[in-house]
Amino acid sequence: MPVWEHAVRLLAFVIVVPLLHAAQQRRRRKQGRRDAPQLSVFRATFAKCCLVAAAIPATVLLRPYTSLADLVVGIGIAAVVALAGPWVHGAFLVRPPTGASGTPGPSSTPGGEER
């Protein structure tokens, strides 16, 4: 796969994931689940960018040695995600902000009214 296709796919990921995350947050607010851990879109996007940033030079460096450079790098990415994913998953989750008293802040009360 040419480098520009990697860039287009990364751009699509960077645009689509925050939109999906916003829809998920709206659904959570409607269901009243405000205190559950949430995915940090910034952290997930940063991790994806790091993977792509490592994959592009790896592909370029492997091309002189094998015609299957894209396949090798793809398998490497899959292995990294499969092996390191469960280990770093907790780092991608954040708790919603809480008020000074340790209770959820005003933005997380039903209807948005102040306490």
PDB file of N, CA and C in Angstrom:
ATOM      1  N   MET A   1       0.852  -1.170   0.000  1.00  0.00           N
ATOM      2  CA  MET A   1       0.000   0.000   0.000  1.00  0.00           C
ATOM      3  C   MET A   1       0.901   1.237   0.000  1.00  0.00           C
ATOM      4  N   PRO A   2       0.631   2.163  -0.881  1.00  0.00           N
ATOM      5  CA  PRO A   2       1.444   3.384  -0.920  1.00  0.00           C
ATOM      6  C   PRO A   2       1.289   4.203   0.367  1.00  0.00           C
ATOM      7  N   VAL A   3       2.268   5.029   0.626  1.00  0.00           N
ATOM      8  CA  VAL A   3       2.273   5.839   1.842  1.00  0.00           C
ATOM      9  C   VAL A   3       1.068   6.765   1.896  1.00  0.00           C
ATOM     10  N   TRP A   4       0.641   7.298   0.746  1.00  0.00           N
ATOM     11  CA  TRP A   4      -0.491   8.228   0.771  1.00  0.00           C
ATOM     12  C   TRP A   4      -1.769   7.522   1.216  1.00  0.00           C
ATOM     13  N   GLU A   5      -1.895   6.216   0.931  1.00  0.00           N
ATOM     14  CA  GLU A   5      -3.078   5.490   1.397  1.00  0.00           C
ATOM     15  C   GLU A   5      -3.048   5.334   2.914  1.00  0.00           C
ATOM     16  N   HIS A   6      -1.865   5.103   3.481  1.00  0.00           N
ATOM     17  CA  HIS A   6      -1.738   5.069   4.938  1.00  0.00           C
ATOM     18  C   HIS A   6      -2.200   6.407   5.527  1.00  0.00           C
ATOM     19  N   ALA A   7      -1.764   7.493   4.899  1.00  0.00           N
ATOM     20  CA  ALA A   7      -2.114   8.825   5.399  1.00  0.00           C
ATOM     21  C   ALA A   7      -3.621   9.066   5.320  1.00  0.00           C
ATOM     22  N   VAL A   8      -4.255   8.632   4.229  1.00  0.00           N
ATOM     23  CA  VAL A   8      -5.707   8.810   4.082  1.00  0.00           C
ATOM     24  C   VAL A   8      -6.448   7.986   5.123  1.00  0.00           C
ATOM     25  N   ARG A   9      -6.011   6.777   5.358  1.00  0.00           N
ATOM     26  CA  ARG A   9      -6.661   5.934   6.365  1.00  0.00           C
ATOM     27  C   ARG A   9      -6.493   6.528   7.768  1.00  0.00           C
ATOM     28  N   LEU A  10      -5.323   7.038   8.063  1.00  0.00           N
ATOM     29  CA  LEU A  10      -5.101   7.659   9.368  1.00  0.00           C
ATOM     30  C   LEU A  10      -5.986   8.896   9.518  1.00  0.00           C
ATOM     31  N   LEU A  11      -6.076   9.684   8.469  1.00  0.00           N
ATOM     32  CA  LEU A  11      -6.932  10.869   8.516  1.00  0.00           C
ATOM     33  C   LEU A  11      -8.390  10.475   8.751  1.00  0.00           C
ATOM     34  N   ALA A  12      -8.842   9.424   8.082  1.00  0.00           N
ATOM     35  CA  ALA A  12     -10.213   8.946   8.289  1.00  0.00           C
ATOM     36  C   ALA A  12     -10.403   8.505   9.736  1.00  0.00           C
ATOM     37  N   PHE A  13      -9.428   7.823  10.303  1.00  0.00           N
ATOM     38  CA  PHE A  13      -9.506   7.389  11.695  1.00  0.00           C
ATOM     39  C   PHE A  13      -9.571   8.589  12.631  1.00  0.00           C
ATOM     40  N   VAL A  14      -8.740   9.578  12.373  1.00  0.00           N
ATOM     41  CA  VAL A  14      -8.679  10.746  13.243  1.00  0.00           C
ATOM     42  C   VAL A  14      -9.984  11.543  13.182  1.00  0.00           C
ATOM     43  N   ILE A  15     -10.678  11.497  12.070  1.00  0.00           N
ATOM     44  CA  ILE A  15     -11.944  12.225  11.935  1.00  0.00           C
ATOM     45  C   ILE A  15     -13.114  11.394  12.441  1.00  0.00           C
ATOM     46  N   VAL A  16     -13.180  10.118  12.104  1.00  0.00           N
ATOM     47  CA  VAL A  16     -14.333   9.290  12.416  1.00  0.00           C
ATOM     48  C   VAL A  16     -14.417   8.925  13.895  1.00  0.00           C
ATOM     49  N   VAL A  17     -13.317   8.571  14.506  1.00  0.00           N
ATOM     50  CA  VAL A  17     -13.356   8.112  15.905  1.00  0.00           C
ATOM     51  C   VAL A  17     -13.909   9.182  16.852  1.00  0.00           C
ATOM     52  N   PRO A  18     -13.480  10.447  16.776  1.00  0.00           N
ATOM     53  CA  PRO A  18     -14.094  11.434  17.671  1.00  0.00           C
ATOM     54  C   PRO A  18     -15.598  11.593  17.450  1.00  0.00           C
ATOM     55  N   LEU A  19     -16.055  11.474  16.205  1.00  0.00           N
ATOM     56  CA  LEU A  19     -17.494  11.565  15.941  1.00  0.00           C
ATOM     57  C   LEU A  19     -18.241  10.400  16.575  1.00  0.00           C
ATOM     58  N   LEU A  20     -17.694   9.192  16.454  1.00  0.00           N
ATOM     59  CA  LEU A  20     -18.317   8.031  17.088  1.00  0.00           C
ATOM     60  C   LEU A  20     -18.284   8.154  18.604  1.00  0.00           C
ATOM     61  N   HIS A  21     -17.192   8.679  19.126  1.00  0.00           N
ATOM     62  CA  HIS A  21     -17.072   8.859  20.571  1.00  0.00           C
ATOM     63  C   HIS A  21     -18.113   9.868  21.079  1.00  0.00           C
ATOM     64  N   ALA A  22     -18.321  10.941  20.351  1.00  0.00           N
ATOM     65  CA  ALA A  22     -19.318  11.937  20.759  1.00  0.00           C
ATOM     66  C   ALA A  22     -20.713  11.320  20.767  1.00  0.00           C
ATOM     67  N   ALA A  23     -21.021  10.492  19.775  1.00  0.00           N
ATOM     68  CA  ALA A  23     -22.330   9.821  19.744  1.00  0.00           C
ATOM     69  C   ALA A  23     -22.474   8.877  20.929  1.00  0.00           C
ATOM     70  N   GLN A  24     -21.416   8.171  21.270  1.00  0.00           N
ATOM     71  CA  GLN A  24     -21.448   7.272  22.420  1.00  0.00           C
ATOM     72  C   GLN A  24     -21.656   8.053  23.712  1.00  0.00           C
ATOM     73  N   GLN A  25     -21.007   9.192  23.838  1.00  0.00           N
ATOM     74  CA  GLN A  25     -21.167  10.007  25.043  1.00  0.00           C
ATOM     75  C   GLN A  25     -22.611  10.508  25.172  1.00  0.00           C
ATOM     76  N   ARG A  26     -23.212  10.933  24.070  1.00  0.00           N
ATOM     77  CA  ARG A  26     -24.619  11.367  24.114  1.00  0.00           C
ATOM     78  C   ARG A  26     -25.510  10.226  24.569  1.00  0.00           C
ATOM     79  N   ARG A  27     -25.265   9.033  24.056  1.00  0.00           N
ATOM     80  CA  ARG A  27     -26.070   7.873  24.444  1.00  0.00           C
ATOM     81  C   ARG A  27     -25.898   7.559  25.931  1.00  0.00           C
ATOM     82  N   ARG A  28     -24.661   7.655  26.424  1.00  0.00           N
ATOM     83  CA  ARG A  28     -24.417   7.415  27.851  1.00  0.00           C
ATOM     84  C   ARG A  28     -25.160   8.425  28.723  1.00  0.00           C
ATOM     85  N   ARG A  29     -25.134   9.699  28.306  1.00  0.00           N
ATOM     86  CA  ARG A  29     -25.825  10.718  29.094  1.00  0.00           C
ATOM     87  C   ARG A  29     -27.316  10.438  29.143  1.00  0.00           C
ATOM     88  N   LYS A  30     -27.887  10.022  28.021  1.00  0.00           N
ATOM     89  CA  LYS A  30     -29.323   9.710  27.976  1.00  0.00           C
ATOM     90  C   LYS A  30     -29.654   8.505  28.853  1.00  0.00           C
ATOM     91  N   GLN A  31     -28.746   7.557  28.938  1.00  0.00           N
ATOM     92  CA  GLN A  31     -28.987   6.356  29.740  1.00  0.00           C
ATOM     93  C   GLN A  31     -28.644   6.557  31.216  1.00  0.00           C
ATOM     94  N   GLY A  32     -28.040   7.680  31.559  1.00  0.00           N
ATOM     95  CA  GLY A  32     -27.707   7.958  32.949  1.00  0.00           C
ATOM     96  C   GLY A  32     -26.424   7.314  33.429  1.00  0.00           C
ATOM     97  N   ARG A  33     -25.613   6.790  32.531  1.00  0.00           N
ATOM     98  CA  ARG A  33     -24.338   6.154  32.923  1.00  0.00           C
ATOM     99  C   ARG A  33     -23.221   7.176  32.783  1.00  0.00           C
ATOM    100  N   ARG A  34     -23.062   7.996  33.798  1.00  0.00           N
ATOM    101  CA  ARG A  34     -22.078   9.076  33.710  1.00  0.00           C
ATOM    102  C   ARG A  34     -20.787   8.781  34.466  1.00  0.00           C
ATOM    103  N   ASP A  35     -20.820   7.819  35.380  1.00  0.00           N
ATOM    104  CA  ASP A  35     -19.644   7.590  36.205  1.00  0.00           C
ATOM    105  C   ASP A  35     -18.772   6.437  35.722  1.00  0.00           C
ATOM    106  N   ALA A  36     -19.133   5.787  34.625  1.00  0.00           N
ATOM    107  CA  ALA A  36     -18.336   4.685  34.080  1.00  0.00           C
ATOM    108  C   ALA A  36     -17.080   5.243  33.402  1.00  0.00           C
ATOM    109  N   PRO A  37     -15.998   4.485  33.399  1.00  0.00           N
ATOM    110  CA  PRO A  37     -14.791   4.944  32.692  1.00  0.00           C
ATOM    111  C   PRO A  37     -15.094   5.185  31.208  1.00  0.00           C
ATOM    112  N   GLN A  38     -14.425   6.173  30.649  1.00  0.00           N
ATOM    113  CA  GLN A  38     -14.652   6.556  29.260  1.00  0.00           C
ATOM    114  C   GLN A  38     -13.353   6.456  28.482  1.00  0.00           C
ATOM    115  N   LEU A  39     -13.490   6.199  27.199  1.00  0.00           N
ATOM    116  CA  LEU A  39     -12.324   6.141  26.324  1.00  0.00           C
ATOM    117  C   LEU A  39     -11.779   7.538  26.110  1.00  0.00           C
ATOM    118  N   SER A  40     -10.487   7.699  26.265  1.00  0.00           N
ATOM    119  CA  SER A  40      -9.842   8.967  25.950  1.00  0.00           C
ATOM    120  C   SER A  40      -9.530   8.961  24.455  1.00  0.00           C
ATOM    121  N   VAL A  41     -10.288   9.744  23.708  1.00  0.00           N
ATOM    122  CA  VAL A  41     -10.104   9.780  22.253  1.00  0.00           C
ATOM    123  C   VAL A  41      -8.711  10.277  21.908  1.00  0.00           C
ATOM    124  N   PHE A  42      -8.221  11.242  22.661  1.00  0.00           N
ATOM    125  CA  PHE A  42      -6.881  11.760  22.391  1.00  0.00           C
ATOM    126  C   PHE A  42      -5.832  10.661  22.528  1.00  0.00           C
ATOM    127  N   ARG A  43      -5.923   9.879  23.605  1.00  0.00           N
ATOM    128  CA  ARG A  43      -4.935   8.823  23.825  1.00  0.00           C
ATOM    129  C   ARG A  43      -5.023   7.733  22.759  1.00  0.00           C
ATOM    130  N   ALA A  44      -6.239   7.349  22.385  1.00  0.00           N
ATOM    131  CA  ALA A  44      -6.406   6.319  21.356  1.00  0.00           C
ATOM    132  C   ALA A  44      -5.891   6.812  20.003  1.00  0.00           C
ATOM    133  N   THR A  45      -6.186   8.055  19.678  1.00  0.00           N
ATOM    134  CA  THR A  45      -5.726   8.626  18.409  1.00  0.00           C
ATOM    135  C   THR A  45      -4.205   8.759  18.408  1.00  0.00           C
ATOM    136  N   PHE A  46      -3.646   9.165  19.533  1.00  0.00           N
ATOM    137  CA  PHE A  46      -2.190   9.287  19.631  1.00  0.00           C
ATOM    138  C   PHE A  46      -1.518   7.924  19.447  1.00  0.00           C
ATOM    139  N   ALA A  47      -2.090   6.878  20.057  1.00  0.00           N
ATOM    140  CA  ALA A  47      -1.528   5.532  19.917  1.00  0.00           C
ATOM    141  C   ALA A  47      -1.590   5.076  18.462  1.00  0.00           C
ATOM    142  N   LYS A  48      -2.701   5.347  17.791  1.00  0.00           N
ATOM    143  CA  LYS A  48      -2.835   4.970  16.383  1.00  0.00           C
ATOM    144  C   LYS A  48      -1.808   5.722  15.531  1.00  0.00           C
ATOM    145  N   CYS A  49      -1.638   7.000  15.805  1.00  0.00           N
ATOM    146  CA  CYS A  49      -0.644   7.787  15.059  1.00  0.00           C
ATOM    147  C   CYS A  49       0.765   7.240  15.270  1.00  0.00           C
ATOM    148  N   CYS A  50       1.041   6.818  16.493  1.00  0.00           N
ATOM    149  CA  CYS A  50       2.368   6.235  16.770  1.00  0.00           C
ATOM    150  C   CYS A  50       2.567   4.932  15.993  1.00  0.00           C
ATOM    151  N   LEU A  51       1.521   4.102  15.931  1.00  0.00           N
ATOM    152  CA  LEU A  51       1.626   2.857  15.160  1.00  0.00           C
ATOM    153  C   LEU A  51       1.876   3.139  13.681  1.00  0.00           C
ATOM    154  N   VAL A  52       1.138   4.084  13.134  1.00  0.00           N
ATOM    155  CA  VAL A  52       1.317   4.418  11.715  1.00  0.00           C
ATOM    156  C   VAL A  52       2.680   5.058  11.492  1.00  0.00           C
ATOM    157  N   ALA A  53       3.097   5.901  12.425  1.00  0.00           N
ATOM    158  CA  ALA A  53       4.410   6.542  12.300  1.00  0.00           C
ATOM    159  C   ALA A  53       5.535   5.510  12.323  1.00  0.00           C
ATOM    160  N   ALA A  54       5.340   4.410  13.032  1.00  0.00           N
ATOM    161  CA  ALA A  54       6.343   3.344  13.037  1.00  0.00           C
ATOM    162  C   ALA A  54       6.207   2.445  11.813  1.00  0.00           C
ATOM    163  N   ALA A  55       4.985   2.270  11.324  1.00  0.00           N
ATOM    164  CA  ALA A  55       4.748   1.363  10.199  1.00  0.00           C
ATOM    165  C   ALA A  55       5.283   1.910   8.878  1.00  0.00           C
ATOM    166  N   ILE A  56       5.162   3.210   8.676  1.00  0.00           N
ATOM    167  CA  ILE A  56       5.594   3.778   7.388  1.00  0.00           C
ATOM    168  C   ILE A  56       7.096   3.602   7.178  1.00  0.00           C
ATOM    169  N   PRO A  57       7.958   4.003   8.125  1.00  0.00           N
ATOM    170  CA  PRO A  57       9.383   3.776   7.883  1.00  0.00           C
ATOM    171  C   PRO A  57       9.749   2.290   7.854  1.00  0.00           C
ATOM    172  N   ALA A  58       9.041   1.477   8.630  1.00  0.00           N
ATOM    173  CA  ALA A  58       9.325   0.038   8.604  1.00  0.00           C
ATOM    174  C   ALA A  58       9.042  -0.527   7.221  1.00  0.00           C
ATOM    175  N   THR A  59       7.945  -0.089   6.619  1.00  0.00           N
ATOM    176  CA  THR A  59       7.608  -0.544   5.262  1.00  0.00           C
ATOM    177  C   THR A  59       8.668  -0.096   4.264  1.00  0.00           C
ATOM    178  N   VAL A  60       9.058   1.162   4.372  1.00  0.00           N
ATOM    179  CA  VAL A  60      10.072   1.699   3.451  1.00  0.00           C
ATOM    180  C   VAL A  60      11.398   0.954   3.612  1.00  0.00           C
ATOM    181  N   LEU A  61      11.777   0.638   4.842  1.00  0.00           N
ATOM    182  CA  LEU A  61      13.044  -0.061   5.076  1.00  0.00           C
ATOM    183  C   LEU A  61      13.001  -1.523   4.627  1.00  0.00           C
ATOM    184  N   LEU A  62      11.824  -2.147   4.689  1.00  0.00           N
ATOM    185  CA  LEU A  62      11.716  -3.560   4.293  1.00  0.00           C
ATOM    186  C   LEU A  62      11.563  -3.763   2.791  1.00  0.00           C
ATOM    187  N   ARG A  63      11.113  -2.766   2.058  1.00  0.00           N
ATOM    188  CA  ARG A  63      10.847  -2.928   0.619  1.00  0.00           C
ATOM    189  C   ARG A  63      12.051  -3.417  -0.188  1.00  0.00           C
ATOM    190  N   PRO A  64      13.265  -2.967   0.086  1.00  0.00           N
ATOM    191  CA  PRO A  64      14.391  -3.473  -0.705  1.00  0.00           C
ATOM    192  C   PRO A  64      14.668  -4.963  -0.470  1.00  0.00           C
ATOM    193  N   TYR A  65      14.195  -5.506   0.637  1.00  0.00           N
ATOM    194  CA  TYR A  65      14.506  -6.887   0.994  1.00  0.00           C
ATOM    195  C   TYR A  65      13.400  -7.883   0.686  1.00  0.00           C
ATOM    196  N   THR A  66      12.158  -7.403   0.598  1.00  0.00           N
ATOM    197  CA  THR A  66      11.047  -8.314   0.331  1.00  0.00           C
ATOM    198  C   THR A  66       9.916  -7.596  -0.389  1.00  0.00           C
ATOM    199  N   SER A  67       9.237  -8.341  -1.229  1.00  0.00           N
ATOM    200  CA  SER A  67       8.075  -7.768  -1.915  1.00  0.00           C
ATOM    201  C   SER A  67       6.837  -7.823  -1.022  1.00  0.00           C
ATOM    202  N   LEU A  68       6.965  -8.455   0.118  1.00  0.00           N
ATOM    203  CA  LEU A  68       5.844  -8.590   1.052  1.00  0.00           C
ATOM    204  C   LEU A  68       5.986  -7.645   2.248  1.00  0.00           C
ATOM    205  N   ALA A  69       6.614  -6.506   2.026  1.00  0.00           N
ATOM    206  CA  ALA A  69       6.869  -5.574   3.128  1.00  0.00           C
ATOM    207  C   ALA A  69       5.565  -5.132   3.795  1.00  0.00           C
ATOM    208  N   ASP A  70       4.542  -4.846   2.992  1.00  0.00           N
ATOM    209  CA  ASP A  70       3.268  -4.408   3.568  1.00  0.00           C
ATOM    210  C   ASP A  70       2.650  -5.505   4.429  1.00  0.00           C
ATOM    211  N   LEU A  71       2.737  -6.736   3.964  1.00  0.00           N
ATOM    212  CA  LEU A  71       2.195  -7.858   4.722  1.00  0.00           C
ATOM    213  C   LEU A  71       2.960  -8.047   6.039  1.00  0.00           C
ATOM    214  N   VAL A  72       4.264  -7.967   5.975  1.00  0.00           N
ATOM    215  CA  VAL A  72       5.087  -8.132   7.178  1.00  0.00           C
ATOM    216  C   VAL A  72       4.763  -7.035   8.197  1.00  0.00           C
ATOM    217  N   VAL A  73       4.665  -5.805   7.730  1.00  0.00           N
ATOM    218  CA  VAL A  73       4.346  -4.697   8.628  1.00  0.00           C
ATOM    219  C   VAL A  73       2.924  -4.842   9.159  1.00  0.00           C
ATOM    220  N   GLY A  74       1.987  -5.264   8.335  1.00  0.00           N
ATOM    221  CA  GLY A  74       0.613  -5.494   8.788  1.00  0.00           C
ATOM    222  C   GLY A  74       0.534  -6.554   9.873  1.00  0.00           C
ATOM    223  N   ILE A  75       1.275  -7.638   9.678  1.00  0.00           N
ATOM    224  CA  ILE A  75       1.327  -8.687  10.715  1.00  0.00           C
ATOM    225  C   ILE A  75       1.974  -8.137  11.982  1.00  0.00           C
ATOM    226  N   GLY A  76       3.001  -7.312  11.820  1.00  0.00           N
ATOM    227  CA  GLY A  76       3.645  -6.697  12.980  1.00  0.00           C
ATOM    228  C   GLY A  76       2.694  -5.787  13.749  1.00  0.00           C
ATOM    229  N   ILE A  77       1.906  -4.990  13.032  1.00  0.00           N
ATOM    230  CA  ILE A  77       0.929  -4.119  13.691  1.00  0.00           C
ATOM    231  C   ILE A  77      -0.110  -4.958  14.420  1.00  0.00           C
ATOM    232  N   ALA A  78      -0.601  -6.006  13.760  1.00  0.00           N
ATOM    233  CA  ALA A  78      -1.592  -6.884  14.392  1.00  0.00           C
ATOM    234  C   ALA A  78      -1.020  -7.525  15.652  1.00  0.00           C
ATOM    235  N   ALA A  79       0.232  -7.931  15.596  1.00  0.00           N
ATOM    236  CA  ALA A  79       0.864  -8.541  16.769  1.00  0.00           C
ATOM    237  C   ALA A  79       1.021  -7.537  17.903  1.00  0.00           C
ATOM    238  N   VAL A  80       1.425  -6.327  17.571  1.00  0.00           N
ATOM    239  CA  VAL A  80       1.576  -5.290  18.600  1.00  0.00           C
ATOM    240  C   VAL A  80       0.228  -4.992  19.254  1.00  0.00           C
ATOM    241  N   VAL A  81      -0.808  -4.849  18.441  1.00  0.00           N
ATOM    242  CA  VAL A  81      -2.138  -4.557  18.987  1.00  0.00           C
ATOM    243  C   VAL A  81      -2.646  -5.728  19.827  1.00  0.00           C
ATOM    244  N   ALA A  82      -2.446  -6.952  19.346  1.00  0.00           N
ATOM    245  CA  ALA A  82      -2.941  -8.126  20.076  1.00  0.00           C
ATOM    246  C   ALA A  82      -2.186  -8.352  21.382  1.00  0.00           C
ATOM    247  N   LEU A  83      -0.883  -8.138  21.362  1.00  0.00           N
ATOM    248  CA  LEU A  83      -0.086  -8.397  22.562  1.00  0.00           C
ATOM    249  C   LEU A  83      -0.065  -7.224  23.537  1.00  0.00           C
ATOM    250  N   ALA A  84       0.076  -6.015  23.012  1.00  0.00           N
ATOM    251  CA  ALA A  84       0.171  -4.846  23.889  1.00  0.00           C
ATOM    252  C   ALA A  84      -1.193  -4.226  24.188  1.00  0.00           C
ATOM    253  N   GLY A  85      -2.185  -4.502  23.361  1.00  0.00           N
ATOM    254  CA  GLY A  85      -3.509  -3.899  23.538  1.00  0.00           C
ATOM    255  C   GLY A  85      -4.108  -4.112  24.913  1.00  0.00           C
ATOM    256  N   PRO A  86      -4.219  -5.355  25.371  1.00  0.00           N
ATOM    257  CA  PRO A  86      -4.788  -5.565  26.705  1.00  0.00           C
ATOM    258  C   PRO A  86      -3.954  -4.921  27.814  1.00  0.00           C
ATOM    259  N   TRP A  87      -2.672  -4.853  27.618  1.00  0.00           N
ATOM    260  CA  TRP A  87      -1.776  -4.281  28.622  1.00  0.00           C
ATOM    261  C   TRP A  87      -1.969  -2.771  28.746  1.00  0.00           C
ATOM    262  N   VAL A  88      -2.172  -2.067  27.625  1.00  0.00           N
ATOM    263  CA  VAL A  88      -2.301  -0.607  27.657  1.00  0.00           C
ATOM    264  C   VAL A  88      -3.752  -0.135  27.649  1.00  0.00           C
ATOM    265  N   HIS A  89      -4.706  -1.053  27.578  1.00  0.00           N
ATOM    266  CA  HIS A  89      -6.123  -0.658  27.499  1.00  0.00           C
ATOM    267  C   HIS A  89      -6.523   0.252  28.657  1.00  0.00           C
ATOM    268  N   GLY A  90      -6.065  -0.058  29.852  1.00  0.00           N
ATOM    269  CA  GLY A  90      -6.404   0.760  31.010  1.00  0.00           C
ATOM    270  C   GLY A  90      -5.906   2.193  30.891  1.00  0.00           C
ATOM    271  N   ALA A  91      -4.830   2.396  30.169  1.00  0.00           N
ATOM    272  CA  ALA A  91      -4.294   3.749  29.993  1.00  0.00           C
ATOM    273  C   ALA A  91      -5.166   4.590  29.073  1.00  0.00           C
ATOM    274  N   PHE A  92      -6.023   3.951  28.278  1.00  0.00           N
ATOM    275  CA  PHE A  92      -6.907   4.681  27.369  1.00  0.00           C
ATOM    276  C   PHE A  92      -8.219   5.077  28.029  1.00  0.00           C
ATOM    277  N   LEU A  93      -8.464   4.584  29.241  1.00  0.00           N
ATOM    278  CA  LEU A  93      -9.708   4.885  29.941  1.00  0.00           C
ATOM    279  C   LEU A  93      -9.479   5.978  30.968  1.00  0.00           C
ATOM    280  N   VAL A  94     -10.413   6.883  31.072  1.00  0.00           N
ATOM    281  CA  VAL A  94     -10.354   7.957  32.055  1.00  0.00           C
ATOM    282  C   VAL A  94     -11.686   8.018  32.784  1.00  0.00           C
ATOM    283  N   ARG A  95     -11.643   8.468  34.013  1.00  0.00           N
ATOM    284  CA  ARG A  95     -12.862   8.674  34.795  1.00  0.00           C
ATOM    285  C   ARG A  95     -13.430  10.051  34.459  1.00  0.00           C
ATOM    286  N   PRO A  96     -14.742  10.180  34.485  1.00  0.00           N
ATOM    287  CA  PRO A  96     -15.331  11.510  34.265  1.00  0.00           C
ATOM    288  C   PRO A  96     -14.906  12.458  35.381  1.00  0.00           C
ATOM    289  N   PRO A  97     -14.846  13.758  35.106  1.00  0.00           N
ATOM    290  CA  PRO A  97     -14.439  14.701  36.138  1.00  0.00           C
ATOM    291  C   PRO A  97     -15.424  14.696  37.304  1.00  0.00           C
ATOM    292  N   THR A  98     -14.898  14.906  38.504  1.00  0.00           N
ATOM    293  CA  THR A  98     -15.746  14.957  39.690  1.00  0.00           C
ATOM    294  C   THR A  98     -15.662  16.333  40.309  1.00  0.00           C
ATOM    295  N   GLY A  99     -16.655  16.663  41.117  1.00  0.00           N
ATOM    296  CA  GLY A  99     -16.668  17.940  41.819  1.00  0.00           C
ATOM    297  C   GLY A  99     -15.670  17.923  42.963  1.00  0.00           C
ATOM    298  N   ALA A 100     -15.552  19.028  43.695  1.00  0.00           N
ATOM    299  CA  ALA A 100     -14.596  19.146  44.796  1.00  0.00           C
ATOM    300  C   ALA A 100     -14.916  18.162  45.919  1.00  0.00           C
ATOM    301  N   SER A 101     -16.196  17.810  46.099  1.00  0.00           N
ATOM    302  CA  SER A 101     -16.578  16.909  47.186  1.00  0.00           C
ATOM    303  C   SER A 101     -16.391  15.444  46.814  1.00  0.00           C
ATOM    304  N   GLY A 102     -15.920  15.176  45.610  1.00  0.00           N
ATOM    305  CA  GLY A 102     -15.730  13.802  45.176  1.00  0.00           C
ATOM    306  C   GLY A 102     -16.959  13.215  44.507  1.00  0.00           C
ATOM    307  N   THR A 103     -18.017  13.992  44.424  1.00  0.00           N
ATOM    308  CA  THR A 103     -19.215  13.536  43.727  1.00  0.00           C
ATOM    309  C   THR A 103     -19.173  14.050  42.311  1.00  0.00           C
ATOM    310  N   PRO A 104     -19.939  13.428  41.413  1.00  0.00           N
ATOM    311  CA  PRO A 104     -19.933  13.930  40.040  1.00  0.00           C
ATOM    312  C   PRO A 104     -20.331  15.400  39.997  1.00  0.00           C
ATOM    313  N   GLY A 105     -19.693  16.126  39.103  1.00  0.00           N
ATOM    314  CA  GLY A 105     -19.931  17.561  38.994  1.00  0.00           C
ATOM    315  C   GLY A 105     -21.299  17.884  38.433  1.00  0.00           C
ATOM    316  N   PRO A 106     -21.651  19.179  38.358  1.00  0.00           N
ATOM    317  CA  PRO A 106     -22.977  19.600  37.917  1.00  0.00           C
ATOM    318  C   PRO A 106     -23.321  19.138  36.516  1.00  0.00           C
ATOM    319  N   SER A 107     -22.324  18.998  35.658  1.00  0.00           N
ATOM    320  CA  SER A 107     -22.620  18.613  34.283  1.00  0.00           C
ATOM    321  C   SER A 107     -23.098  17.178  34.188  1.00  0.00           C
ATOM    322  N   SER A 108     -22.912  16.384  35.244  1.00  0.00           N
ATOM    323  CA  SER A 108     -23.309  14.992  35.161  1.00  0.00           C
ATOM    324  C   SER A 108     -24.576  14.687  35.939  1.00  0.00           C
ATOM    325  N   THR A 109     -25.282  15.716  36.406  1.00  0.00           N
ATOM    326  CA  THR A 109     -26.542  15.484  37.092  1.00  0.00           C
ATOM    327  C   THR A 109     -27.654  15.399  36.071  1.00  0.00           C
ATOM    328  N   PRO A 110     -28.713  14.623  36.361  1.00  0.00           N
ATOM    329  CA  PRO A 110     -29.812  14.506  35.396  1.00  0.00           C
ATOM    330  C   PRO A 110     -30.410  15.880  35.102  1.00  0.00           C
ATOM    331  N   GLY A 111     -30.598  16.168  33.849  1.00  0.00           N
ATOM    332  CA  GLY A 111     -31.174  17.433  33.449  1.00  0.00           C
ATOM    333  C   GLY A 111     -30.205  18.581  33.462  1.00  0.00           C
ATOM    334  N   GLY A 112     -28.994  18.363  33.977  1.00  0.00           N
ATOM    335  CA  GLY A 112     -27.961  19.401  33.978  1.00  0.00           C
ATOM    336  C   GLY A 112     -28.141  20.438  35.069  1.00  0.00           C
ATOM    337  N   GLU A 113     -29.071  20.239  36.044  1.00  0.00           N
ATOM    338  CA  GLU A 113     -29.261  21.261  37.058  1.00  0.00           C
ATOM    339  C   GLU A 113     -28.160  21.186  38.118  1.00  0.00           C
ATOM    340  N   GLU A 114     -27.914  22.307  38.764  1.00  0.00           N
ATOM    341  CA  GLU A 114     -26.885  22.412  39.796  1.00  0.00           C
ATOM    342  C   GLU A 114     -27.330  21.697  41.061  1.00  0.00           C
ATOM    343  N   ARG A 115     -26.361  21.263  41.874  1.00  0.00           N
ATOM    344  CA  ARG A 115     -26.672  20.657  43.179  1.00  0.00           C
ATOM    345  C   ARG A 115     -26.643  21.713  44.242  1.00  0.00           C
TER     346      ARG A 115
END
